[in-house]
Each structure stands twice: as C-alpha cells, then as structure tokens.
Amino acid sequence: MITGETKLAAVLATPIKHSISPLIHNTAFKELGIDAVYLAFEVGTEDLAEALETVKTFNLMGVNLSMPNKQLGYELVDEASEVAHLVQSINTIVHRDGKLIGYNTDGYGFMQSLRDEEIEIIDQSFVFLGGGGAAISIIAQAAVDGAKDVVVFNRSGSSYSQVEERLALIAKQTSCPIRLLPIENQELLEAEIAIADILVNATSVGMSPNEGSCLISDGSWLRSDLAVADIIYEPRETKLLTLAKEQGCQAVNGLGMLLHQGAQAFELWTGQPMPVEVVRSAIKKI
C-alpha cells in the first residue's frame, strides 16, 4: 500500500519500457516489508541532468541508469565510488544527505552471473564486443577477478581513442593485458574468438526491437567449448545466443547480470541484502 512515507527509486533510460527492474526491486521491497516502490522512466541524455535534480527535489532513495545515460551520469553526480572513477561510468546513484553518489555494479553483476553458471573466470581469455559503459565496467571487473587477458572489439570512430585510453588505465591498474581492436576487421575478430575462452556481447546489438541483429557474421566461428554471454536480457535469447547454442556452446543471457547488479544497488539504497532467490523465482515466471 502506498503511504505518505513511501520511498521511491527508479530507473532512467531509453528505451526502458521492456525493463524488468521494477519487478526485481518491487518484489524485494515486498518480501522484506520495505515501504518503497520502484518505477521506470523514459529519460535520455538530453534530459538526464534535469531528471537527476528531481532525485534531490523529491527525495528519492536513488536511481539506476541504463543506456544511454551511464557515462553522462558519472559526470553529473556529486561523488563516485572507486570503481566508478576507474570506469568513468555509473549505473546506480544513491541519494544521501542531499548528495548524489555514483556507483557501478554492472561488472559485479555480470561476473556473478557467470559464477551462477559455473563458468570459470580466473586465467580465462575474454573477447568483448563493444567498449561502452557496461563493457568497460565488466572488463574492469574481469581484470580484477583474475582474467588471463582481454581483447575488446569496438567500432572505429570518434570514441575509439577514448575507449583505448580507458582500457589502458584499467590494464595498468590491474596488470591484466587488454587490447583494443576495430570490430570492422572481421578476420581479426574470427582469429581472436578462435583462441578465447569466453565471448561477451556488451553492446545493444540484438536488443528488441532489432532481435535479428548480430555482430558475429558466421556462427561457425563459435567452438563448442566457448562460453558465450550476452548482457541483453530482452529478448531472452538473442541471435548471438541462438548461434552459440547451435554450435553447442554454453550460452548465458543478461538476466543474471541484471539480477545481481540490482541486488548490489538494492543493498546500497536500503542497507539490506536483496532476497535474491525470491526475486529469481519471480523473474522466471515472466
């Protein structure tokens, strides 16, 4: 029941109507008896600064940020965590004492989703598709968690050098070898996938309503002993994951990442651990 004391949290992104974050957090609030609600608002970069001011004005507990707001959000908060500073991207904001404090829980959430599927991380070679905010966060966590090496494929363009600089900083601070290559070079991409242990799509390619899109042009590149993960959770099976399953690969969608990054955000807002298994059961019903 909504009361005069009900707290509010939300996710700000576009597109966001497909989001199951409201289900995740509202299930957790109900389970723990917390007087709070979580909503989804269509907000892009043009309106993000104004939207974040309303977090203070209306005394929200905080917000999640998703594409395309994660990097701009980092620039707009009052303070940021050590991990957020490292990746210069945030997906969670906590409103505390009139200040907005930015965190990044994406990397933690993704790595936990691999552990759920018993996919080894330590001493494994990763290939990432994309160098955006979510990708950088996951790459940093992979490096911290003991990845052997990381190769990142990103589109050539104005942001390429910025991604390269960010990756160089992560490599320096973690001592994990990280290379950036142009995704337009399909021969290089095929060669790197051939020697990788884990392939990760960290872009929005394949997301609804463009379910037929995929950055891998030939499914035969995917070996049966390759683990393939996609940070997209809608659709539950992207074109990349369909190709992976056809080749006998272990395939992991973005639901686990969403659950575990949300769990960390929930605890930052409430000070209580999220009832993860209760929430997982709710997700599986939809």
Protein backbone atom coordinates (compact mmCIF):
# COMPACT_ATOMS: atom_id res chain seq x y z
CA MET A 1 0.00 0.00 0.00
CA ILE A 2 1.27 3.47 -0.90
CA THR A 3 1.53 5.75 2.13
CA GLY A 4 2.76 9.25 2.89
CA GLU A 5 6.06 7.66 3.95
CA THR A 6 6.57 5.55 0.83
CA LYS A 7 10.06 5.94 -0.63
CA LEU A 8 10.74 5.99 -4.36
CA ALA A 9 13.51 4.56 -6.54
CA ALA A 10 13.57 4.35 -10.33
CA VAL A 11 15.48 3.50 -13.47
CA LEU A 12 16.22 6.23 -16.03
CA ALA A 13 16.96 5.09 -19.58
CA THR A 14 15.63 4.89 -23.11
CA PRO A 15 14.24 2.55 -24.25
CA ILE A 16 13.13 1.26 -20.86
CA LYS A 17 9.51 0.07 -21.15
CA HIS A 18 10.79 -3.51 -21.54
CA SER A 19 12.64 -3.33 -18.20
CA ILE A 20 12.06 -5.94 -15.51
CA SER A 21 13.94 -3.86 -12.93
CA PRO A 22 10.62 -2.73 -11.41
CA LEU A 23 9.65 -6.39 -10.91
CA ILE A 24 13.03 -7.14 -9.31
CA HIS A 25 13.04 -4.29 -6.81
CA ASN A 26 9.34 -4.23 -6.01
CA THR A 27 9.44 -7.98 -5.32
CA ALA A 28 12.36 -7.39 -2.94
CA PHE A 29 10.64 -4.45 -1.21
CA LYS A 30 7.51 -6.54 -0.66
CA GLU A 31 9.42 -9.57 0.59
CA LEU A 32 11.30 -7.51 3.19
CA GLY A 33 8.37 -5.27 4.14
CA ILE A 34 10.09 -2.09 2.96
CA ASP A 35 7.70 0.82 2.29
CA ALA A 36 9.06 1.74 -1.15
CA VAL A 37 8.26 1.48 -4.86
CA TYR A 38 10.43 1.33 -7.97
CA LEU A 39 9.36 2.80 -11.32
CA ALA A 40 10.79 3.08 -14.85
CA PHE A 41 11.06 6.45 -16.62
CA GLU A 42 11.98 7.09 -20.26
CA VAL A 43 14.88 9.55 -19.93
CA GLY A 44 17.71 10.14 -22.40
CA THR A 45 20.89 12.16 -22.16
CA GLU A 46 19.15 15.41 -23.15
CA ASP A 47 17.00 15.33 -20.02
CA LEU A 48 19.27 13.46 -17.60
CA ALA A 49 20.65 16.47 -15.71
CA GLU A 50 17.15 17.78 -15.03
CA ALA A 51 15.93 14.31 -14.05
CA LEU A 52 18.75 13.89 -11.53
CA GLU A 53 17.85 17.19 -9.91
CA THR A 54 14.39 15.76 -9.23
CA VAL A 55 16.04 12.91 -7.32
CA LYS A 56 17.03 15.53 -4.76
CA THR A 57 13.84 17.57 -5.05
CA PHE A 58 11.54 14.59 -4.45
CA ASN A 59 13.93 12.86 -2.04
CA LEU A 60 14.24 9.59 -3.96
CA MET A 61 16.37 6.85 -2.41
CA GLY A 62 18.23 6.74 -5.68
CA VAL A 63 18.06 5.62 -9.29
CA ASN A 64 19.54 3.14 -11.70
CA LEU A 65 20.87 4.35 -15.04
CA SER A 66 20.93 2.29 -18.21
CA MET A 67 21.74 3.07 -21.85
CA PRO A 68 22.45 5.76 -22.92
CA ASN A 69 22.93 7.52 -19.56
CA LYS A 70 25.75 5.72 -17.76
CA GLN A 71 28.73 7.82 -18.82
CA LEU A 72 26.99 11.18 -18.65
CA GLY A 73 25.60 10.18 -15.24
CA TYR A 74 29.16 9.80 -13.95
CA GLU A 75 29.85 13.41 -14.90
CA LEU A 76 26.71 14.69 -13.17
CA VAL A 77 26.93 13.10 -9.69
CA ASP A 78 28.44 14.82 -6.67
CA GLU A 79 30.66 11.90 -5.67
CA ALA A 80 31.56 8.48 -7.08
CA SER A 81 32.94 5.18 -5.86
CA GLU A 82 36.45 3.95 -6.62
CA VAL A 83 35.17 1.53 -9.28
CA ALA A 84 33.04 4.25 -10.85
CA HIS A 85 36.09 6.51 -11.08
CA LEU A 86 38.07 3.70 -12.71
CA VAL A 87 35.50 3.08 -15.44
CA GLN A 88 34.01 6.61 -15.56
CA SER A 89 30.54 5.18 -15.86
CA ILE A 90 27.76 4.53 -13.36
CA ASN A 91 24.57 2.51 -13.26
CA THR A 92 23.46 3.28 -9.69
CA ILE A 93 23.02 6.54 -7.82
CA VAL A 94 22.41 6.77 -4.09
CA HIS A 95 20.81 9.92 -2.71
CA ARG A 96 22.42 10.55 0.65
CA ASP A 97 22.37 13.75 2.71
CA GLY A 98 21.46 15.86 -0.31
CA LYS A 99 24.26 14.44 -2.45
CA LEU A 100 24.14 12.07 -5.41
CA ILE A 101 26.77 9.33 -5.12
CA GLY A 102 27.51 7.21 -8.18
CA TYR A 103 28.36 3.50 -8.20
CA ASN A 104 28.88 0.90 -10.87
CA THR A 105 27.51 -2.56 -10.10
CA ASP A 106 27.47 -3.88 -13.70
CA GLY A 107 30.81 -5.69 -13.51
CA TYR A 108 29.97 -7.38 -10.23
CA GLY A 109 26.56 -8.43 -11.55
CA PHE A 110 27.98 -9.89 -14.76
CA MET A 111 30.74 -11.86 -13.05
CA GLN A 112 28.29 -13.22 -10.51
CA SER A 113 26.04 -14.39 -13.36
CA LEU A 114 28.97 -16.38 -14.80
CA ARG A 115 29.65 -17.92 -11.40
CA ASP A 116 25.98 -18.94 -11.18
CA GLU A 117 26.53 -20.94 -14.38
CA GLU A 118 29.81 -22.39 -13.05
CA ILE A 119 31.84 -20.65 -15.75
CA GLU A 120 35.46 -20.24 -14.71
CA ILE A 121 36.84 -16.68 -14.70
CA ILE A 122 40.38 -16.95 -13.36
CA ASP A 123 43.07 -17.37 -16.05
CA GLN A 124 40.48 -17.25 -18.84
CA SER A 125 40.83 -15.29 -22.08
CA PHE A 126 37.92 -12.93 -22.79
CA VAL A 127 36.77 -11.35 -26.05
CA PHE A 128 34.36 -8.44 -25.66
CA LEU A 129 32.16 -6.95 -28.35
CA GLY A 130 31.77 -3.25 -27.55
CA GLY A 131 33.55 -0.68 -25.45
CA GLY A 132 30.67 1.33 -23.97
CA GLY A 133 29.88 1.97 -20.33
CA ALA A 134 28.64 -1.53 -19.47
CA ALA A 135 31.51 -3.15 -21.35
CA ILE A 136 34.17 -1.09 -19.59
CA SER A 137 32.64 -1.94 -16.21
CA ILE A 138 32.63 -5.67 -16.93
CA ILE A 139 36.13 -5.58 -18.41
CA ALA A 140 37.46 -3.86 -15.29
CA GLN A 141 35.81 -6.48 -13.07
CA ALA A 142 37.13 -9.32 -15.23
CA ALA A 143 40.62 -7.92 -14.87
CA VAL A 144 40.24 -7.54 -11.10
CA ASP A 145 38.79 -11.06 -10.79
CA GLY A 146 41.79 -12.70 -12.44
CA ALA A 147 41.16 -12.88 -16.19
CA LYS A 148 44.23 -14.03 -18.13
CA ASP A 149 43.79 -11.41 -20.84
CA VAL A 150 41.10 -9.37 -22.57
CA VAL A 151 40.57 -8.37 -26.20
CA VAL A 152 37.97 -5.70 -26.94
CA PHE A 153 36.43 -5.08 -30.35
CA ASN A 154 34.86 -1.66 -30.82
CA ARG A 155 33.64 0.35 -33.77
CA SER A 156 36.17 2.77 -35.20
CA GLY A 157 35.10 6.36 -34.72
CA SER A 158 35.38 9.42 -32.54
CA SER A 159 35.14 7.47 -29.29
CA TYR A 160 37.73 4.82 -30.22
CA SER A 161 40.70 6.68 -28.74
CA GLN A 162 38.77 7.43 -25.55
CA VAL A 163 37.97 3.73 -25.12
CA GLU A 164 41.63 2.91 -25.76
CA GLU A 165 42.75 5.32 -23.04
CA ARG A 166 40.25 3.93 -20.54
CA LEU A 167 41.32 0.36 -21.25
CA ALA A 168 45.00 1.29 -20.93
CA LEU A 169 44.31 2.72 -17.47
CA ILE A 170 42.46 -0.44 -16.38
CA ALA A 171 45.28 -2.61 -17.72
CA LYS A 172 47.86 -0.55 -15.84
CA GLN A 173 45.98 -0.62 -12.54
CA THR A 174 45.11 -4.33 -12.71
CA SER A 175 48.16 -5.75 -14.56
CA CYS A 176 45.80 -7.58 -16.90
CA PRO A 177 46.77 -7.43 -20.62
CA ILE A 178 43.99 -5.63 -22.53
CA ARG A 179 43.95 -4.89 -26.26
CA LEU A 180 41.53 -2.84 -28.36
CA LEU A 181 40.86 -3.76 -31.99
CA PRO A 182 38.43 -2.45 -34.65
CA ILE A 183 35.32 -4.59 -34.94
CA GLU A 184 35.17 -3.85 -38.67
CA ASN A 185 38.12 -6.23 -39.10
CA GLN A 186 36.20 -9.49 -39.19
CA GLU A 187 39.31 -11.59 -39.85
CA LEU A 188 40.87 -10.35 -36.60
CA LEU A 189 37.60 -10.96 -34.77
CA GLU A 190 37.40 -14.54 -36.04
CA ALA A 191 41.03 -15.18 -35.08
CA GLU A 192 40.61 -13.87 -31.53
CA ILE A 193 37.38 -15.80 -30.94
CA ALA A 194 39.22 -18.96 -32.05
CA ILE A 195 41.56 -18.72 -29.03
CA ALA A 196 39.18 -17.21 -26.47
CA ASP A 197 37.52 -18.97 -23.54
CA ILE A 198 34.63 -16.52 -23.10
CA LEU A 199 32.90 -14.28 -25.67
CA VAL A 200 30.78 -11.41 -24.38
CA ASN A 201 28.40 -9.17 -26.32
CA ALA A 202 28.40 -5.96 -24.29
CA THR A 203 26.51 -3.88 -26.86
CA SER A 204 22.82 -3.30 -27.54
CA VAL A 205 23.05 -5.15 -30.88
CA GLY A 206 20.36 -7.82 -30.79
CA MET A 207 18.11 -5.98 -28.35
CA SER A 208 14.40 -5.63 -29.02
CA PRO A 209 13.11 -4.45 -31.47
CA ASN A 210 16.19 -5.44 -33.54
CA GLU A 211 16.30 -9.08 -32.47
CA GLY A 212 17.74 -10.26 -35.77
CA SER A 213 20.95 -8.25 -35.45
CA CYS A 214 24.27 -9.86 -34.52
CA LEU A 215 27.91 -8.73 -34.59
CA ILE A 216 29.11 -12.25 -35.44
CA SER A 217 28.69 -12.86 -39.15
CA ASP A 218 29.33 -16.61 -39.06
CA GLY A 219 28.18 -19.00 -36.33
CA SER A 220 30.92 -21.48 -37.25
CA TRP A 221 33.39 -19.17 -35.51
CA LEU A 222 31.94 -20.34 -32.19
CA ARG A 223 33.57 -23.51 -30.83
CA SER A 224 31.56 -25.86 -28.64
CA ASP A 225 33.93 -25.27 -25.70
CA LEU A 226 33.47 -21.49 -25.89
CA ALA A 227 31.22 -19.83 -23.31
CA VAL A 228 29.09 -17.10 -24.91
CA ALA A 229 27.39 -14.42 -22.83
CA ASP A 230 25.14 -11.53 -23.80
CA ILE A 231 24.31 -8.65 -21.47
CA ILE A 232 20.93 -8.30 -23.22
CA TYR A 233 18.00 -9.88 -21.38
CA GLU A 234 15.18 -8.93 -23.75
CA PRO A 235 14.89 -10.97 -25.87
CA ARG A 236 15.98 -13.81 -23.57
CA GLU A 237 17.77 -15.43 -26.50
CA THR A 238 19.50 -13.03 -28.87
CA LYS A 239 20.66 -14.01 -32.35
CA LEU A 240 24.18 -14.41 -30.91
CA LEU A 241 22.96 -16.86 -28.26
CA THR A 242 20.96 -18.79 -30.85
CA LEU A 243 24.12 -19.18 -32.94
CA ALA A 244 26.04 -20.21 -29.82
CA LYS A 245 23.54 -22.91 -28.90
CA GLU A 246 23.56 -24.23 -32.46
CA GLN A 247 27.32 -24.73 -32.08
CA GLY A 248 26.96 -26.44 -28.69
CA CYS A 249 28.32 -23.52 -26.67
CA GLN A 250 27.24 -22.71 -23.14
CA ALA A 251 25.07 -19.60 -23.57
CA VAL A 252 24.23 -17.05 -20.88
CA ASN A 253 21.80 -14.15 -21.28
CA GLY A 254 21.72 -10.89 -19.34
CA LEU A 255 19.11 -11.85 -16.73
CA GLY A 256 21.65 -12.98 -14.16
CA MET A 257 23.68 -9.81 -14.58
CA LEU A 258 20.53 -7.72 -14.17
CA LEU A 259 19.60 -9.62 -11.01
CA HIS A 260 22.98 -9.35 -9.32
CA GLN A 261 23.75 -5.75 -10.28
CA GLY A 262 20.29 -4.91 -8.98
CA ALA A 263 20.97 -6.76 -5.74
CA GLN A 264 24.02 -4.64 -5.07
CA ALA A 265 22.10 -1.43 -5.87
CA PHE A 266 19.25 -2.55 -3.60
CA GLU A 267 21.64 -3.02 -0.69
CA LEU A 268 23.23 0.39 -1.30
CA TRP A 269 19.79 2.02 -1.09
CA THR A 270 18.28 0.06 1.77
CA GLY A 271 21.20 -1.31 3.76
CA GLN A 272 19.62 -4.78 3.46
CA PRO A 273 20.64 -7.72 1.24
CA MET A 274 18.21 -8.40 -1.58
CA PRO A 275 16.34 -11.75 -1.24
CA VAL A 276 17.96 -12.95 -4.46
CA GLU A 277 16.33 -16.37 -4.72
CA VAL A 278 12.84 -14.94 -4.17
CA VAL A 279 13.47 -12.40 -6.91
CA ARG A 280 14.97 -15.03 -9.22
CA SER A 281 11.78 -17.10 -8.86
CA ALA A 282 9.67 -14.08 -9.76
CA ILE A 283 11.75 -13.41 -12.87
CA LYS A 284 11.40 -16.97 -14.11
CA LYS A 285 7.61 -16.67 -14.07
CA ILE A 286 7.51 -13.97 -16.74
